[in-house]
Amino acid sequence: MPTSIRLAPETERHLNHLAERTGRTKAYYLREIIEQGIEEAEDYYLALDVLERVRSGQEPVYSAADVRKELGLDD
């Protein structure tokens, strides 16, 4: 799927330098960066969404004591 992004000039200089020095394409490095970082970004933004729901009262919150009791860990 073709996608277009705008990079800050400094970032583009780094990318160009890396591609020129290694003989790989800029697209190669962009794919690598995205593929390696997508799971971390997904974890971060989904956790942020849960945090916002907790703060707004839309997500239930349980105490450690309640969880231990529910799981039978206090026995």
N, C-alpha and C. Protein backbone atom coordinates (compact mmCIF):
# COMPACT_ATOMS: atom_id res chain seq x y z
N MET A 1 0.85 -1.17 0.00
CA MET A 1 0.00 0.00 0.00
C MET A 1 0.89 1.24 0.00
N PRO A 2 0.89 2.00 -1.03
CA PRO A 2 1.70 3.22 -1.07
C PRO A 2 1.18 4.25 -0.05
N THR A 3 2.11 4.85 0.66
CA THR A 3 1.77 5.86 1.65
C THR A 3 2.79 6.99 1.54
N SER A 4 2.33 8.18 1.78
CA SER A 4 3.20 9.33 1.69
C SER A 4 3.28 10.02 3.05
N ILE A 5 4.49 10.43 3.45
CA ILE A 5 4.67 11.17 4.70
C ILE A 5 5.63 12.32 4.46
N ARG A 6 5.51 13.34 5.28
CA ARG A 6 6.45 14.46 5.24
C ARG A 6 7.39 14.31 6.43
N LEU A 7 8.67 14.43 6.17
CA LEU A 7 9.67 14.34 7.22
C LEU A 7 10.28 15.71 7.48
N ALA A 8 10.68 15.91 8.70
CA ALA A 8 11.43 17.13 9.02
C ALA A 8 12.74 17.07 8.24
N PRO A 9 13.24 18.21 7.81
CA PRO A 9 14.48 18.22 7.03
C PRO A 9 15.63 17.47 7.69
N GLU A 10 15.80 17.61 8.98
CA GLU A 10 16.88 16.91 9.68
C GLU A 10 16.69 15.39 9.62
N THR A 11 15.47 14.94 9.79
CA THR A 11 15.18 13.51 9.71
C THR A 11 15.44 13.00 8.30
N GLU A 12 15.06 13.76 7.33
CA GLU A 12 15.30 13.36 5.94
C GLU A 12 16.79 13.29 5.63
N ARG A 13 17.55 14.23 6.18
CA ARG A 13 19.01 14.19 5.99
C ARG A 13 19.61 12.91 6.58
N HIS A 14 19.15 12.56 7.77
CA HIS A 14 19.63 11.32 8.40
C HIS A 14 19.27 10.11 7.55
N LEU A 15 18.06 10.08 7.07
CA LEU A 15 17.60 8.95 6.25
C LEU A 15 18.38 8.88 4.94
N ASN A 16 18.56 10.01 4.30
CA ASN A 16 19.34 10.03 3.06
C ASN A 16 20.77 9.55 3.30
N HIS A 17 21.39 10.02 4.36
CA HIS A 17 22.76 9.64 4.68
C HIS A 17 22.86 8.13 4.91
N LEU A 18 21.94 7.60 5.69
CA LEU A 18 21.93 6.17 5.98
C LEU A 18 21.76 5.36 4.70
N ALA A 19 20.84 5.76 3.86
CA ALA A 19 20.59 5.04 2.60
C ALA A 19 21.82 5.10 1.69
N GLU A 20 22.42 6.28 1.58
CA GLU A 20 23.59 6.43 0.73
C GLU A 20 24.77 5.60 1.24
N ARG A 21 24.99 5.61 2.54
CA ARG A 21 26.14 4.90 3.12
C ARG A 21 26.00 3.38 3.05
N THR A 22 24.76 2.89 3.09
CA THR A 22 24.56 1.45 3.14
C THR A 22 24.13 0.84 1.81
N GLY A 23 23.74 1.68 0.87
CA GLY A 23 23.28 1.18 -0.42
C GLY A 23 21.86 0.62 -0.40
N ARG A 24 21.17 0.84 0.67
CA ARG A 24 19.76 0.42 0.74
C ARG A 24 18.88 1.62 0.44
N THR A 25 17.61 1.35 0.16
CA THR A 25 16.69 2.44 -0.17
C THR A 25 16.13 3.08 1.09
N LYS A 26 15.68 4.31 0.93
CA LYS A 26 15.01 4.98 2.05
C LYS A 26 13.75 4.20 2.43
N ALA A 27 13.06 3.67 1.43
CA ALA A 27 11.84 2.90 1.69
C ALA A 27 12.14 1.69 2.57
N TYR A 28 13.28 1.06 2.34
CA TYR A 28 13.67 -0.09 3.16
C TYR A 28 13.74 0.30 4.63
N TYR A 29 14.43 1.41 4.92
CA TYR A 29 14.58 1.82 6.30
C TYR A 29 13.27 2.30 6.91
N LEU A 30 12.46 2.97 6.14
CA LEU A 30 11.16 3.39 6.66
C LEU A 30 10.30 2.19 7.00
N ARG A 31 10.30 1.17 6.14
CA ARG A 31 9.55 -0.06 6.45
C ARG A 31 10.07 -0.71 7.73
N GLU A 32 11.40 -0.81 7.84
CA GLU A 32 12.00 -1.41 9.04
C GLU A 32 11.59 -0.65 10.30
N ILE A 33 11.69 0.66 10.25
CA ILE A 33 11.35 1.48 11.42
C ILE A 33 9.89 1.31 11.80
N ILE A 34 9.02 1.33 10.81
CA ILE A 34 7.59 1.18 11.08
C ILE A 34 7.28 -0.21 11.62
N GLU A 35 7.80 -1.24 10.98
CA GLU A 35 7.50 -2.60 11.42
C GLU A 35 8.03 -2.87 12.82
N GLN A 36 9.18 -2.32 13.16
CA GLN A 36 9.73 -2.55 14.48
C GLN A 36 9.03 -1.72 15.55
N GLY A 37 8.49 -0.58 15.16
CA GLY A 37 7.89 0.31 16.14
C GLY A 37 6.38 0.24 16.26
N ILE A 38 5.71 -0.45 15.34
CA ILE A 38 4.25 -0.41 15.33
C ILE A 38 3.64 -1.05 16.57
N GLU A 39 4.23 -2.15 17.04
CA GLU A 39 3.67 -2.81 18.23
C GLU A 39 3.83 -1.93 19.47
N GLU A 40 4.96 -1.28 19.59
CA GLU A 40 5.15 -0.38 20.73
C GLU A 40 4.18 0.78 20.67
N ALA A 41 3.99 1.35 19.49
CA ALA A 41 3.05 2.46 19.33
C ALA A 41 1.63 2.00 19.63
N GLU A 42 1.28 0.82 19.15
CA GLU A 42 -0.05 0.27 19.41
C GLU A 42 -0.27 0.09 20.91
N ASP A 43 0.69 -0.52 21.60
CA ASP A 43 0.58 -0.70 23.05
C ASP A 43 0.40 0.63 23.76
N TYR A 44 1.22 1.60 23.38
CA TYR A 44 1.18 2.91 24.03
C TYR A 44 -0.17 3.59 23.83
N TYR A 45 -0.64 3.68 22.59
CA TYR A 45 -1.87 4.41 22.32
C TYR A 45 -3.11 3.70 22.83
N LEU A 46 -3.11 2.36 22.84
CA LEU A 46 -4.24 1.64 23.41
C LEU A 46 -4.27 1.81 24.93
N ALA A 47 -3.10 1.79 25.57
CA ALA A 47 -3.03 2.02 27.01
C ALA A 47 -3.48 3.44 27.35
N LEU A 48 -3.09 4.40 26.53
CA LEU A 48 -3.50 5.78 26.73
C LEU A 48 -5.02 5.91 26.66
N ASP A 49 -5.62 5.17 25.72
CA ASP A 49 -7.08 5.18 25.58
C ASP A 49 -7.75 4.62 26.83
N VAL A 50 -7.21 3.53 27.38
CA VAL A 50 -7.76 2.95 28.61
C VAL A 50 -7.61 3.94 29.76
N LEU A 51 -6.45 4.57 29.86
CA LEU A 51 -6.22 5.55 30.92
C LEU A 51 -7.25 6.69 30.85
N GLU A 52 -7.54 7.17 29.67
CA GLU A 52 -8.54 8.23 29.51
C GLU A 52 -9.91 7.75 29.94
N ARG A 53 -10.25 6.49 29.62
CA ARG A 53 -11.54 5.94 30.04
C ARG A 53 -11.60 5.77 31.56
N VAL A 54 -10.48 5.36 32.18
CA VAL A 54 -10.43 5.24 33.63
C VAL A 54 -10.65 6.60 34.27
N ARG A 55 -9.93 7.60 33.78
CA ARG A 55 -10.04 8.95 34.36
C ARG A 55 -11.43 9.55 34.20
N SER A 56 -12.12 9.17 33.13
CA SER A 56 -13.46 9.72 32.90
C SER A 56 -14.55 8.87 33.55
N GLY A 57 -14.15 7.78 34.22
CA GLY A 57 -15.13 6.93 34.90
C GLY A 57 -15.82 5.93 34.00
N GLN A 58 -15.35 5.78 32.77
CA GLN A 58 -15.98 4.85 31.82
C GLN A 58 -15.40 3.44 31.89
N GLU A 59 -14.30 3.28 32.60
CA GLU A 59 -13.62 1.98 32.69
C GLU A 59 -13.58 1.58 34.16
N PRO A 60 -14.05 0.36 34.50
CA PRO A 60 -14.02 -0.04 35.91
C PRO A 60 -12.59 -0.22 36.42
N VAL A 61 -12.41 0.08 37.70
CA VAL A 61 -11.11 -0.07 38.35
C VAL A 61 -11.32 -0.94 39.58
N TYR A 62 -10.40 -1.87 39.79
CA TYR A 62 -10.50 -2.79 40.91
C TYR A 62 -9.26 -2.67 41.78
N SER A 63 -9.45 -2.77 43.09
CA SER A 63 -8.30 -2.71 43.99
C SER A 63 -7.57 -4.04 43.95
N ALA A 64 -6.32 -4.03 44.38
CA ALA A 64 -5.54 -5.26 44.44
C ALA A 64 -6.20 -6.25 45.38
N ALA A 65 -6.76 -5.76 46.48
CA ALA A 65 -7.42 -6.64 47.44
C ALA A 65 -8.63 -7.33 46.80
N ASP A 66 -9.42 -6.58 46.04
CA ASP A 66 -10.58 -7.18 45.36
C ASP A 66 -10.15 -8.24 44.34
N VAL A 67 -9.08 -7.97 43.61
CA VAL A 67 -8.59 -8.93 42.61
C VAL A 67 -8.09 -10.19 43.29
N ARG A 68 -7.32 -10.03 44.39
CA ARG A 68 -6.83 -11.21 45.12
C ARG A 68 -7.99 -12.04 45.64
N LYS A 69 -9.01 -11.36 46.17
CA LYS A 69 -10.18 -12.07 46.71
C LYS A 69 -10.91 -12.80 45.60
N GLU A 70 -11.13 -12.14 44.47
CA GLU A 70 -11.85 -12.73 43.34
C GLU A 70 -11.10 -13.95 42.80
N LEU A 71 -9.78 -13.90 42.79
CA LEU A 71 -8.98 -15.00 42.27
C LEU A 71 -8.67 -16.06 43.32
N GLY A 72 -9.12 -15.83 44.54
CA GLY A 72 -8.90 -16.79 45.61
C GLY A 72 -7.46 -16.85 46.07
N LEU A 73 -6.75 -15.75 45.96
CA LEU A 73 -5.34 -15.72 46.33
C LEU A 73 -5.13 -15.40 47.81
N ASP A 74 -6.16 -14.99 48.50
CA ASP A 74 -6.03 -14.65 49.91
C ASP A 74 -6.24 -15.86 50.81
N ASP A 75 -6.62 -16.97 50.23
CA ASP A 75 -6.90 -18.17 51.03
C ASP A 75 -5.65 -18.81 51.53
